[in-house]
Amino acid sequence: MVAHVIVKLVNEQHMGEFYFRPDQVATARSLLATGQYRMASECYMALEGTDAAEEMFDVTNNPSRGAERVRVFESQRSLSVGDIVEVNGVPFLCASQGWEQLV
């Protein structure tokens, strides 16, 4: 199966909130509801769920994948804590440790 993947980056002025609030999921939901995310990338891949989210994290953060990063992510900042990777309509929050489903 091929998954539809959308990366949403939180507005940079809100990135720090994910380091100081204990409930990162509630923070993400609130910021998402108030339009504090922007679509950064859209692609298709053979991975699903958190595997697809982890793949997007690696593409944007792994220096050895620079050419692929430019193709998929252009010159945007790396995926980080507080950002969202939506896989087949299911949003996953990049948390301090791992991925948290937002639904």
PDB file of N, CA and C in Angstrom:
ATOM      1  N   MET A   1       0.839  -1.192   0.000  1.00  0.00           N
ATOM      2  CA  MET A   1       0.000   0.000   0.000  1.00  0.00           C
ATOM      3  C   MET A   1       0.880   1.250   0.000  1.00  0.00           C
ATOM      4  N   VAL A   2       0.430   2.255  -0.692  1.00  0.00           N
ATOM      5  CA  VAL A   2       1.149   3.522  -0.741  1.00  0.00           C
ATOM      6  C   VAL A   2       0.439   4.521   0.161  1.00  0.00           C
ATOM      7  N   ALA A   3       1.186   5.146   1.057  1.00  0.00           N
ATOM      8  CA  ALA A   3       0.622   6.109   2.001  1.00  0.00           C
ATOM      9  C   ALA A   3       0.796   7.537   1.493  1.00  0.00           C
ATOM     10  N   HIS A   4      -0.225   8.344   1.715  1.00  0.00           N
ATOM     11  CA  HIS A   4      -0.181   9.775   1.431  1.00  0.00           C
ATOM     12  C   HIS A   4       0.329  10.463   2.694  1.00  0.00           C
ATOM     13  N   VAL A   5       1.443  11.168   2.582  1.00  0.00           N
ATOM     14  CA  VAL A   5       2.101  11.773   3.741  1.00  0.00           C
ATOM     15  C   VAL A   5       2.161  13.291   3.584  1.00  0.00           C
ATOM     16  N   ILE A   6       1.718  13.991   4.616  1.00  0.00           N
ATOM     17  CA  ILE A   6       1.769  15.454   4.650  1.00  0.00           C
ATOM     18  C   ILE A   6       2.530  15.869   5.900  1.00  0.00           C
ATOM     19  N   VAL A   7       3.510  16.741   5.736  1.00  0.00           N
ATOM     20  CA  VAL A   7       4.257  17.269   6.872  1.00  0.00           C
ATOM     21  C   VAL A   7       3.747  18.672   7.166  1.00  0.00           C
ATOM     22  N   LYS A   8       3.408  18.901   8.436  1.00  0.00           N
ATOM     23  CA  LYS A   8       2.951  20.214   8.883  1.00  0.00           C
ATOM     24  C   LYS A   8       3.921  20.721   9.941  1.00  0.00           C
ATOM     25  N   LEU A   9       4.486  21.882   9.692  1.00  0.00           N
ATOM     26  CA  LEU A   9       5.434  22.479  10.637  1.00  0.00           C
ATOM     27  C   LEU A   9       4.714  23.502  11.505  1.00  0.00           C
ATOM     28  N   VAL A  10       4.970  23.445  12.805  1.00  0.00           N
ATOM     29  CA  VAL A  10       4.407  24.430  13.715  1.00  0.00           C
ATOM     30  C   VAL A  10       5.135  25.755  13.495  1.00  0.00           C
ATOM     31  N   ASN A  11       4.408  26.856  13.630  1.00  0.00           N
ATOM     32  CA  ASN A  11       5.052  28.171  13.511  1.00  0.00           C
ATOM     33  C   ASN A  11       6.185  28.255  14.532  1.00  0.00           C
ATOM     34  N   GLU A  12       7.300  28.780  14.076  1.00  0.00           N
ATOM     35  CA  GLU A  12       8.522  28.742  14.887  1.00  0.00           C
ATOM     36  C   GLU A  12       8.392  29.407  16.246  1.00  0.00           C
ATOM     37  N   GLN A  13       7.549  30.423  16.379  1.00  0.00           N
ATOM     38  CA  GLN A  13       7.419  31.078  17.682  1.00  0.00           C
ATOM     39  C   GLN A  13       6.764  30.169  18.724  1.00  0.00           C
ATOM     40  N   HIS A  14       6.169  29.054  18.294  1.00  0.00           N
ATOM     41  CA  HIS A  14       5.521  28.131  19.227  1.00  0.00           C
ATOM     42  C   HIS A  14       6.357  26.873  19.501  1.00  0.00           C
ATOM     43  N   MET A  15       7.496  26.721  18.862  1.00  0.00           N
ATOM     44  CA  MET A  15       8.290  25.498  19.023  1.00  0.00           C
ATOM     45  C   MET A  15       8.691  25.261  20.478  1.00  0.00           C
ATOM     46  N   GLY A  16       9.080  26.287  21.185  1.00  0.00           N
ATOM     47  CA  GLY A  16       9.521  26.159  22.570  1.00  0.00           C
ATOM     48  C   GLY A  16       8.448  25.653  23.515  1.00  0.00           C
ATOM     49  N   GLU A  17       7.190  25.864  23.147  1.00  0.00           N
ATOM     50  CA  GLU A  17       6.096  25.422  24.011  1.00  0.00           C
ATOM     51  C   GLU A  17       6.098  23.909  24.214  1.00  0.00           C
ATOM     52  N   PHE A  18       6.626  23.169  23.286  1.00  0.00           N
ATOM     53  CA  PHE A  18       6.637  21.715  23.394  1.00  0.00           C
ATOM     54  C   PHE A  18       7.703  21.215  24.361  1.00  0.00           C
ATOM     55  N   TYR A  19       8.625  22.072  24.724  1.00  0.00           N
ATOM     56  CA  TYR A  19       9.678  21.672  25.659  1.00  0.00           C
ATOM     57  C   TYR A  19       9.298  21.987  27.098  1.00  0.00           C
ATOM     58  N   PHE A  20       8.319  22.870  27.298  1.00  0.00           N
ATOM     59  CA  PHE A  20       7.998  23.328  28.642  1.00  0.00           C
ATOM     60  C   PHE A  20       6.617  22.915  29.129  1.00  0.00           C
ATOM     61  N   ARG A  21       5.818  22.312  28.266  1.00  0.00           N
ATOM     62  CA  ARG A  21       4.481  21.873  28.664  1.00  0.00           C
ATOM     63  C   ARG A  21       4.456  20.352  28.749  1.00  0.00           C
ATOM     64  N   PRO A  22       3.893  19.833  29.824  1.00  0.00           N
ATOM     65  CA  PRO A  22       3.897  18.378  29.997  1.00  0.00           C
ATOM     66  C   PRO A  22       3.001  17.641  28.999  1.00  0.00           C
ATOM     67  N   ASP A  23       1.911  18.253  28.558  1.00  0.00           N
ATOM     68  CA  ASP A  23       0.994  17.580  27.647  1.00  0.00           C
ATOM     69  C   ASP A  23       1.189  18.098  26.229  1.00  0.00           C
ATOM     70  N   GLN A  24       2.124  17.491  25.517  1.00  0.00           N
ATOM     71  CA  GLN A  24       2.454  17.928  24.168  1.00  0.00           C
ATOM     72  C   GLN A  24       1.299  17.706  23.198  1.00  0.00           C
ATOM     73  N   VAL A  25       0.510  16.659  23.400  1.00  0.00           N
ATOM     74  CA  VAL A  25      -0.617  16.373  22.519  1.00  0.00           C
ATOM     75  C   VAL A  25      -1.663  17.487  22.626  1.00  0.00           C
ATOM     76  N   ALA A  26      -2.004  17.895  23.836  1.00  0.00           N
ATOM     77  CA  ALA A  26      -2.978  18.974  24.029  1.00  0.00           C
ATOM     78  C   ALA A  26      -2.462  20.283  23.422  1.00  0.00           C
ATOM     79  N   THR A  27      -1.176  20.538  23.573  1.00  0.00           N
ATOM     80  CA  THR A  27      -0.578  21.741  22.991  1.00  0.00           C
ATOM     81  C   THR A  27      -0.706  21.717  21.478  1.00  0.00           C
ATOM     82  N   ALA A  28      -0.387  20.579  20.867  1.00  0.00           N
ATOM     83  CA  ALA A  28      -0.481  20.452  19.412  1.00  0.00           C
ATOM     84  C   ALA A  28      -1.920  20.616  18.934  1.00  0.00           C
ATOM     85  N   ARG A  29      -2.846  19.986  19.609  1.00  0.00           N
ATOM     86  CA  ARG A  29      -4.260  20.113  19.225  1.00  0.00           C
ATOM     87  C   ARG A  29      -4.716  21.565  19.282  1.00  0.00           C
ATOM     88  N   SER A  30      -4.333  22.263  20.332  1.00  0.00           N
ATOM     89  CA  SER A  30      -4.713  23.669  20.477  1.00  0.00           C
ATOM     90  C   SER A  30      -4.111  24.524  19.360  1.00  0.00           C
ATOM     91  N   LEU A  31      -2.828  24.322  19.088  1.00  0.00           N
ATOM     92  CA  LEU A  31      -2.165  25.101  18.037  1.00  0.00           C
ATOM     93  C   LEU A  31      -2.706  24.748  16.653  1.00  0.00           C
ATOM     94  N   LEU A  32      -3.026  23.507  16.442  1.00  0.00           N
ATOM     95  CA  LEU A  32      -3.607  23.075  15.170  1.00  0.00           C
ATOM     96  C   LEU A  32      -4.972  23.732  14.965  1.00  0.00           C
ATOM     97  N   ALA A  33      -5.775  23.769  16.028  1.00  0.00           N
ATOM     98  CA  ALA A  33      -7.116  24.358  15.954  1.00  0.00           C
ATOM     99  C   ALA A  33      -7.082  25.858  15.690  1.00  0.00           C
ATOM    100  N   THR A  34      -5.987  26.507  16.056  1.00  0.00           N
ATOM    101  CA  THR A  34      -5.891  27.962  15.865  1.00  0.00           C
ATOM    102  C   THR A  34      -5.026  28.337  14.667  1.00  0.00           C
ATOM    103  N   GLY A  35      -4.746  27.368  13.804  1.00  0.00           N
ATOM    104  CA  GLY A  35      -4.033  27.653  12.557  1.00  0.00           C
ATOM    105  C   GLY A  35      -2.557  27.952  12.706  1.00  0.00           C
ATOM    106  N   GLN A  36      -1.912  27.362  13.694  1.00  0.00           N
ATOM    107  CA  GLN A  36      -0.495  27.639  13.943  1.00  0.00           C
ATOM    108  C   GLN A  36       0.447  26.652  13.259  1.00  0.00           C
ATOM    109  N   TYR A  37      -0.076  25.885  12.306  1.00  0.00           N
ATOM    110  CA  TYR A  37       0.735  24.953  11.514  1.00  0.00           C
ATOM    111  C   TYR A  37       0.614  25.326  10.044  1.00  0.00           C
ATOM    112  N   ARG A  38       1.656  25.012   9.276  1.00  0.00           N
ATOM    113  CA  ARG A  38       1.592  25.202   7.825  1.00  0.00           C
ATOM    114  C   ARG A  38       2.045  23.920   7.141  1.00  0.00           C
ATOM    115  N   MET A  39       1.425  23.626   6.008  1.00  0.00           N
ATOM    116  CA  MET A  39       1.831  22.458   5.250  1.00  0.00           C
ATOM    117  C   MET A  39       3.206  22.724   4.646  1.00  0.00           C
ATOM    118  N   ALA A  40       4.136  21.805   4.877  1.00  0.00           N
ATOM    119  CA  ALA A  40       5.508  21.987   4.400  1.00  0.00           C
ATOM    120  C   ALA A  40       5.863  21.043   3.264  1.00  0.00           C
ATOM    121  N   SER A  41       5.224  19.880   3.229  1.00  0.00           N
ATOM    122  CA  SER A  41       5.594  18.875   2.235  1.00  0.00           C
ATOM    123  C   SER A  41       4.471  17.870   2.077  1.00  0.00           C
ATOM    124  N   GLU A  42       4.401  17.303   0.896  1.00  0.00           N
ATOM    125  CA  GLU A  42       3.431  16.262   0.616  1.00  0.00           C
ATOM    126  C   GLU A  42       4.098  15.239  -0.293  1.00  0.00           C
ATOM    127  N   CYS A  43       3.975  13.966   0.037  1.00  0.00           N
ATOM    128  CA  CYS A  43       4.582  12.929  -0.790  1.00  0.00           C
ATOM    129  C   CYS A  43       3.844  11.613  -0.586  1.00  0.00           C
ATOM    130  N   TYR A  44       4.285  10.613  -1.296  1.00  0.00           N
ATOM    131  CA  TYR A  44       3.734   9.260  -1.183  1.00  0.00           C
ATOM    132  C   TYR A  44       4.886   8.306  -0.913  1.00  0.00           C
ATOM    133  N   MET A  45       4.634   7.296  -0.067  1.00  0.00           N
ATOM    134  CA  MET A  45       5.680   6.316   0.235  1.00  0.00           C
ATOM    135  C   MET A  45       5.053   4.985   0.600  1.00  0.00           C
ATOM    136  N   ALA A  46       5.872   3.955   0.590  1.00  0.00           N
ATOM    137  CA  ALA A  46       5.405   2.598   0.859  1.00  0.00           C
ATOM    138  C   ALA A  46       5.279   2.294   2.352  1.00  0.00           C
ATOM    139  N   LEU A  47       5.663   3.213   3.210  1.00  0.00           N
ATOM    140  CA  LEU A  47       5.564   3.010   4.654  1.00  0.00           C
ATOM    141  C   LEU A  47       4.267   3.607   5.178  1.00  0.00           C
ATOM    142  N   GLU A  48       3.819   3.134   6.332  1.00  0.00           N
ATOM    143  CA  GLU A  48       2.584   3.636   6.936  1.00  0.00           C
ATOM    144  C   GLU A  48       2.807   4.005   8.396  1.00  0.00           C
ATOM    145  N   GLY A  49       1.856   4.721   8.973  1.00  0.00           N
ATOM    146  CA  GLY A  49       1.861   5.049  10.393  1.00  0.00           C
ATOM    147  C   GLY A  49       3.137   5.728  10.855  1.00  0.00           C
ATOM    148  N   THR A  50       3.590   5.322  12.045  1.00  0.00           N
ATOM    149  CA  THR A  50       4.781   5.959  12.607  1.00  0.00           C
ATOM    150  C   THR A  50       6.040   5.632  11.809  1.00  0.00           C
ATOM    151  N   ASP A  51       6.024   4.540  11.049  1.00  0.00           N
ATOM    152  CA  ASP A  51       7.178   4.246  10.193  1.00  0.00           C
ATOM    153  C   ASP A  51       7.333   5.331   9.124  1.00  0.00           C
ATOM    154  N   ALA A  52       6.226   5.774   8.554  1.00  0.00           N
ATOM    155  CA  ALA A  52       6.271   6.855   7.561  1.00  0.00           C
ATOM    156  C   ALA A  52       6.696   8.160   8.217  1.00  0.00           C
ATOM    157  N   ALA A  53       6.198   8.436   9.412  1.00  0.00           N
ATOM    158  CA  ALA A  53       6.585   9.649  10.134  1.00  0.00           C
ATOM    159  C   ALA A  53       8.085   9.644  10.429  1.00  0.00           C
ATOM    160  N   GLU A  54       8.583   8.497  10.875  1.00  0.00           N
ATOM    161  CA  GLU A  54      10.014   8.373  11.184  1.00  0.00           C
ATOM    162  C   GLU A  54      10.865   8.550   9.929  1.00  0.00           C
ATOM    163  N   GLU A  55      10.378   8.044   8.814  1.00  0.00           N
ATOM    164  CA  GLU A  55      11.097   8.208   7.542  1.00  0.00           C
ATOM    165  C   GLU A  55      11.198   9.690   7.167  1.00  0.00           C
ATOM    166  N   MET A  56      10.114  10.436   7.330  1.00  0.00           N
ATOM    167  CA  MET A  56      10.157  11.873   7.027  1.00  0.00           C
ATOM    168  C   MET A  56      11.111  12.595   7.982  1.00  0.00           C
ATOM    169  N   PHE A  57      11.115  12.196   9.245  1.00  0.00           N
ATOM    170  CA  PHE A  57      12.054  12.791  10.199  1.00  0.00           C
ATOM    171  C   PHE A  57      13.483  12.552   9.731  1.00  0.00           C
ATOM    172  N   ASP A  58      13.779  11.328   9.324  1.00  0.00           N
ATOM    173  CA  ASP A  58      15.133  10.992   8.879  1.00  0.00           C
ATOM    174  C   ASP A  58      15.511  11.763   7.617  1.00  0.00           C
ATOM    175  N   VAL A  59      14.591  11.858   6.678  1.00  0.00           N
ATOM    176  CA  VAL A  59      14.875  12.603   5.435  1.00  0.00           C
ATOM    177  C   VAL A  59      15.258  14.046   5.743  1.00  0.00           C
ATOM    178  N   THR A  60      14.585  14.662   6.701  1.00  0.00           N
ATOM    179  CA  THR A  60      14.850  16.080   6.977  1.00  0.00           C
ATOM    180  C   THR A  60      15.990  16.318   7.959  1.00  0.00           C
ATOM    181  N   ASN A  61      16.433  15.285   8.658  1.00  0.00           N
ATOM    182  CA  ASN A  61      17.469  15.472   9.676  1.00  0.00           C
ATOM    183  C   ASN A  61      18.788  14.752   9.399  1.00  0.00           C
ATOM    184  N   ASN A  62      18.802  13.818   8.490  1.00  0.00           N
ATOM    185  CA  ASN A  62      19.994  13.016   8.222  1.00  0.00           C
ATOM    186  C   ASN A  62      20.846  13.688   7.144  1.00  0.00           C
ATOM    187  N   PRO A  63      22.037  14.163   7.501  1.00  0.00           N
ATOM    188  CA  PRO A  63      22.882  14.871   6.537  1.00  0.00           C
ATOM    189  C   PRO A  63      23.238  14.054   5.294  1.00  0.00           C
ATOM    190  N   SER A  64      23.258  12.738   5.418  1.00  0.00           N
ATOM    191  CA  SER A  64      23.610  11.919   4.257  1.00  0.00           C
ATOM    192  C   SER A  64      22.473  11.827   3.236  1.00  0.00           C
ATOM    193  N   ARG A  65      21.329  12.378   3.573  1.00  0.00           N
ATOM    194  CA  ARG A  65      20.173  12.335   2.663  1.00  0.00           C
ATOM    195  C   ARG A  65      19.841  13.721   2.116  1.00  0.00           C
ATOM    196  N   GLY A  66      20.854  14.565   1.986  1.00  0.00           N
ATOM    197  CA  GLY A  66      20.661  15.953   1.572  1.00  0.00           C
ATOM    198  C   GLY A  66      19.949  16.125   0.244  1.00  0.00           C
ATOM    199  N   ALA A  67      20.315  15.342  -0.756  1.00  0.00           N
ATOM    200  CA  ALA A  67      19.692  15.470  -2.075  1.00  0.00           C
ATOM    201  C   ALA A  67      18.215  15.089  -2.016  1.00  0.00           C
ATOM    202  N   GLU A  68      17.907  14.038  -1.279  1.00  0.00           N
ATOM    203  CA  GLU A  68      16.520  13.615  -1.131  1.00  0.00           C
ATOM    204  C   GLU A  68      15.717  14.654  -0.358  1.00  0.00           C
ATOM    205  N   ARG A  69      16.358  15.235   0.655  1.00  0.00           N
ATOM    206  CA  ARG A  69      15.696  16.272   1.454  1.00  0.00           C
ATOM    207  C   ARG A  69      15.280  17.443   0.573  1.00  0.00           C
ATOM    208  N   VAL A  70      16.179  17.893  -0.284  1.00  0.00           N
ATOM    209  CA  VAL A  70      15.865  19.022  -1.159  1.00  0.00           C
ATOM    210  C   VAL A  70      14.712  18.669  -2.093  1.00  0.00           C
ATOM    211  N   ARG A  71      14.703  17.453  -2.598  1.00  0.00           N
ATOM    212  CA  ARG A  71      13.647  17.024  -3.515  1.00  0.00           C
ATOM    213  C   ARG A  71      12.288  16.979  -2.811  1.00  0.00           C
ATOM    214  N   VAL A  72      12.250  16.468  -1.591  1.00  0.00           N
ATOM    215  CA  VAL A  72      10.995  16.281  -0.868  1.00  0.00           C
ATOM    216  C   VAL A  72      10.623  17.492  -0.016  1.00  0.00           C
ATOM    217  N   PHE A  73      11.598  18.164   0.542  1.00  0.00           N
ATOM    218  CA  PHE A  73      11.354  19.174   1.578  1.00  0.00           C
ATOM    219  C   PHE A  73      11.870  20.558   1.214  1.00  0.00           C
ATOM    220  N   GLU A  74      12.530  20.670   0.073  1.00  0.00           N
ATOM    221  CA  GLU A  74      13.124  21.925  -0.390  1.00  0.00           C
ATOM    222  C   GLU A  74      14.097  22.467   0.654  1.00  0.00           C
ATOM    223  N   SER A  75      14.048  23.735   0.955  1.00  0.00           N
ATOM    224  CA  SER A  75      15.037  24.312   1.873  1.00  0.00           C
ATOM    225  C   SER A  75      14.418  24.702   3.219  1.00  0.00           C
ATOM    226  N   GLN A  76      13.401  23.981   3.624  1.00  0.00           N
ATOM    227  CA  GLN A  76      12.726  24.285   4.883  1.00  0.00           C
ATOM    228  C   GLN A  76      13.510  23.730   6.064  1.00  0.00           C
ATOM    229  N   ARG A  77      13.158  24.181   7.247  1.00  0.00           N
ATOM    230  CA  ARG A  77      13.826  23.684   8.451  1.00  0.00           C
ATOM    231  C   ARG A  77      13.508  22.210   8.662  1.00  0.00           C
ATOM    232  N   SER A  78      14.333  21.555   9.439  1.00  0.00           N
ATOM    233  CA  SER A  78      14.158  20.125   9.727  1.00  0.00           C
ATOM    234  C   SER A  78      12.902  19.886  10.562  1.00  0.00           C
ATOM    235  N   LEU A  79      12.357  18.707  10.419  1.00  0.00           N
ATOM    236  CA  LEU A  79      11.248  18.264  11.246  1.00  0.00           C
ATOM    237  C   LEU A  79      11.738  18.179  12.678  1.00  0.00           C
ATOM    238  N   SER A  80      10.919  18.655  13.634  1.00  0.00           N
ATOM    239  CA  SER A  80      11.353  18.720  15.022  1.00  0.00           C
ATOM    240  C   SER A  80      10.175  18.468  15.957  1.00  0.00           C
ATOM    241  N   VAL A  81      10.461  18.450  17.245  1.00  0.00           N
ATOM    242  CA  VAL A  81       9.428  18.293  18.263  1.00  0.00           C
ATOM    243  C   VAL A  81       8.360  19.364  18.063  1.00  0.00           C
ATOM    244  N   GLY A  82       7.107  18.924  18.065  1.00  0.00           N
ATOM    245  CA  GLY A  82       5.986  19.845  17.878  1.00  0.00           C
ATOM    246  C   GLY A  82       5.417  19.815  16.469  1.00  0.00           C
ATOM    247  N   ASP A  83       6.159  19.274  15.514  1.00  0.00           N
ATOM    248  CA  ASP A  83       5.673  19.192  14.144  1.00  0.00           C
ATOM    249  C   ASP A  83       4.781  17.965  13.983  1.00  0.00           C
ATOM    250  N   ILE A  84       4.005  17.946  12.906  1.00  0.00           N
ATOM    251  CA  ILE A  84       3.041  16.878  12.671  1.00  0.00           C
ATOM    252  C   ILE A  84       3.306  16.230  11.318  1.00  0.00           C
ATOM    253  N   VAL A  85       3.270  14.908  11.303  1.00  0.00           N
ATOM    254  CA  VAL A  85       3.316  14.156  10.050  1.00  0.00           C
ATOM    255  C   VAL A  85       1.978  13.422   9.953  1.00  0.00           C
ATOM    256  N   GLU A  86       1.224  13.754   8.922  1.00  0.00           N
ATOM    257  CA  GLU A  86      -0.082  13.133   8.698  1.00  0.00           C
ATOM    258  C   GLU A  86       0.090  12.007   7.679  1.00  0.00           C
ATOM    259  N   VAL A  87      -0.341  10.818   8.049  1.00  0.00           N
ATOM    260  CA  VAL A  87      -0.197   9.646   7.182  1.00  0.00           C
ATOM    261  C   VAL A  87      -1.587   9.098   6.898  1.00  0.00           C
ATOM    262  N   ASN A  88      -1.992   9.174   5.632  1.00  0.00           N
ATOM    263  CA  ASN A  88      -3.341   8.737   5.232  1.00  0.00           C
ATOM    264  C   ASN A  88      -4.418   9.358   6.114  1.00  0.00           C
ATOM    265  N   GLY A  89      -4.246  10.649   6.416  1.00  0.00           N
ATOM    266  CA  GLY A  89      -5.236  11.387   7.199  1.00  0.00           C
ATOM    267  C   GLY A  89      -5.107  11.261   8.698  1.00  0.00           C
ATOM    268  N   VAL A  90      -4.172  10.456   9.181  1.00  0.00           N
ATOM    269  CA  VAL A  90      -3.973  10.283  10.623  1.00  0.00           C
ATOM    270  C   VAL A  90      -2.773  11.113  11.050  1.00  0.00           C
ATOM    271  N   PRO A  91      -2.978  12.115  11.927  1.00  0.00           N
ATOM    272  CA  PRO A  91      -1.868  12.968  12.347  1.00  0.00           C
ATOM    273  C   PRO A  91      -1.047  12.359  13.483  1.00  0.00           C
ATOM    274  N   PHE A  92       0.271  12.442  13.328  1.00  0.00           N
ATOM    275  CA  PHE A  92       1.208  11.993  14.358  1.00  0.00           C
ATOM    276  C   PHE A  92       2.070  13.180  14.775  1.00  0.00           C
ATOM    277  N   LEU A  93       2.120  13.435  16.061  1.00  0.00           N
ATOM    278  CA  LEU A  93       2.934  14.510  16.619  1.00  0.00           C
ATOM    279  C   LEU A  93       4.341  14.014  16.874  1.00  0.00           C
ATOM    280  N   CYS A  94       5.331  14.771  16.439  1.00  0.00           N
ATOM    281  CA  CYS A  94       6.715  14.485  16.786  1.00  0.00           C
ATOM    282  C   CYS A  94       6.892  14.947  18.230  1.00  0.00           C
ATOM    283  N   ALA A  95       6.935  14.005  19.147  1.00  0.00           N
ATOM    284  CA  ALA A  95       7.019  14.303  20.577  1.00  0.00           C
ATOM    285  C   ALA A  95       8.472  14.268  21.043  1.00  0.00           C
ATOM    286  N   SER A  96       8.704  14.611  22.287  1.00  0.00           N
ATOM    287  CA  SER A  96      10.055  14.574  22.842  1.00  0.00           C
ATOM    288  C   SER A  96      10.676  13.195  22.695  1.00  0.00           C
ATOM    289  N   GLN A  97       9.850  12.171  22.822  1.00  0.00           N
ATOM    290  CA  GLN A  97      10.300  10.796  22.644  1.00  0.00           C
ATOM    291  C   GLN A  97       9.280  10.072  21.782  1.00  0.00           C
ATOM    292  N   GLY A  98       9.595   9.884  20.532  1.00  0.00           N
ATOM    293  CA  GLY A  98       8.733   9.133  19.638  1.00  0.00           C
ATOM    294  C   GLY A  98       7.599   9.946  19.039  1.00  0.00           C
ATOM    295  N   TRP A  99       6.542   9.236  18.670  1.00  0.00           N
ATOM    296  CA  TRP A  99       5.401   9.814  17.979  1.00  0.00           C
ATOM    297  C   TRP A  99       4.126   9.579  18.776  1.00  0.00           C
ATOM    298  N   GLU A 100       3.253  10.590  18.815  1.00  0.00           N
ATOM    299  CA  GLU A 100       1.963  10.484  19.503  1.00  0.00           C
ATOM    300  C   GLU A 100       0.865  10.730  18.481  1.00  0.00           C
ATOM    301  N   GLN A 101      -0.087   9.820  18.397  1.00  0.00           N
ATOM    302  CA  GLN A 101      -1.209   9.999  17.485  1.00  0.00           C
ATOM    303  C   GLN A 101      -2.141  11.076  18.059  1.00  0.00           C
ATOM    304  N   LEU A 102      -2.608  11.987  17.200  1.00  0.00           N
ATOM    305  CA  LEU A 102      -3.421  13.111  17.673  1.00  0.00           C
ATOM    306  C   LEU A 102      -4.923  12.875  17.617  1.00  0.00           C
ATOM    307  N   VAL A 103      -5.386  11.766  17.086  1.00  0.00           N
ATOM    308  CA  VAL A 103      -6.841  11.546  17.017  1.00  0.00           C
ATOM    309  C   VAL A 103      -7.360  10.817  18.213  1.00  0.00           C
TER     310      VAL A 103
END
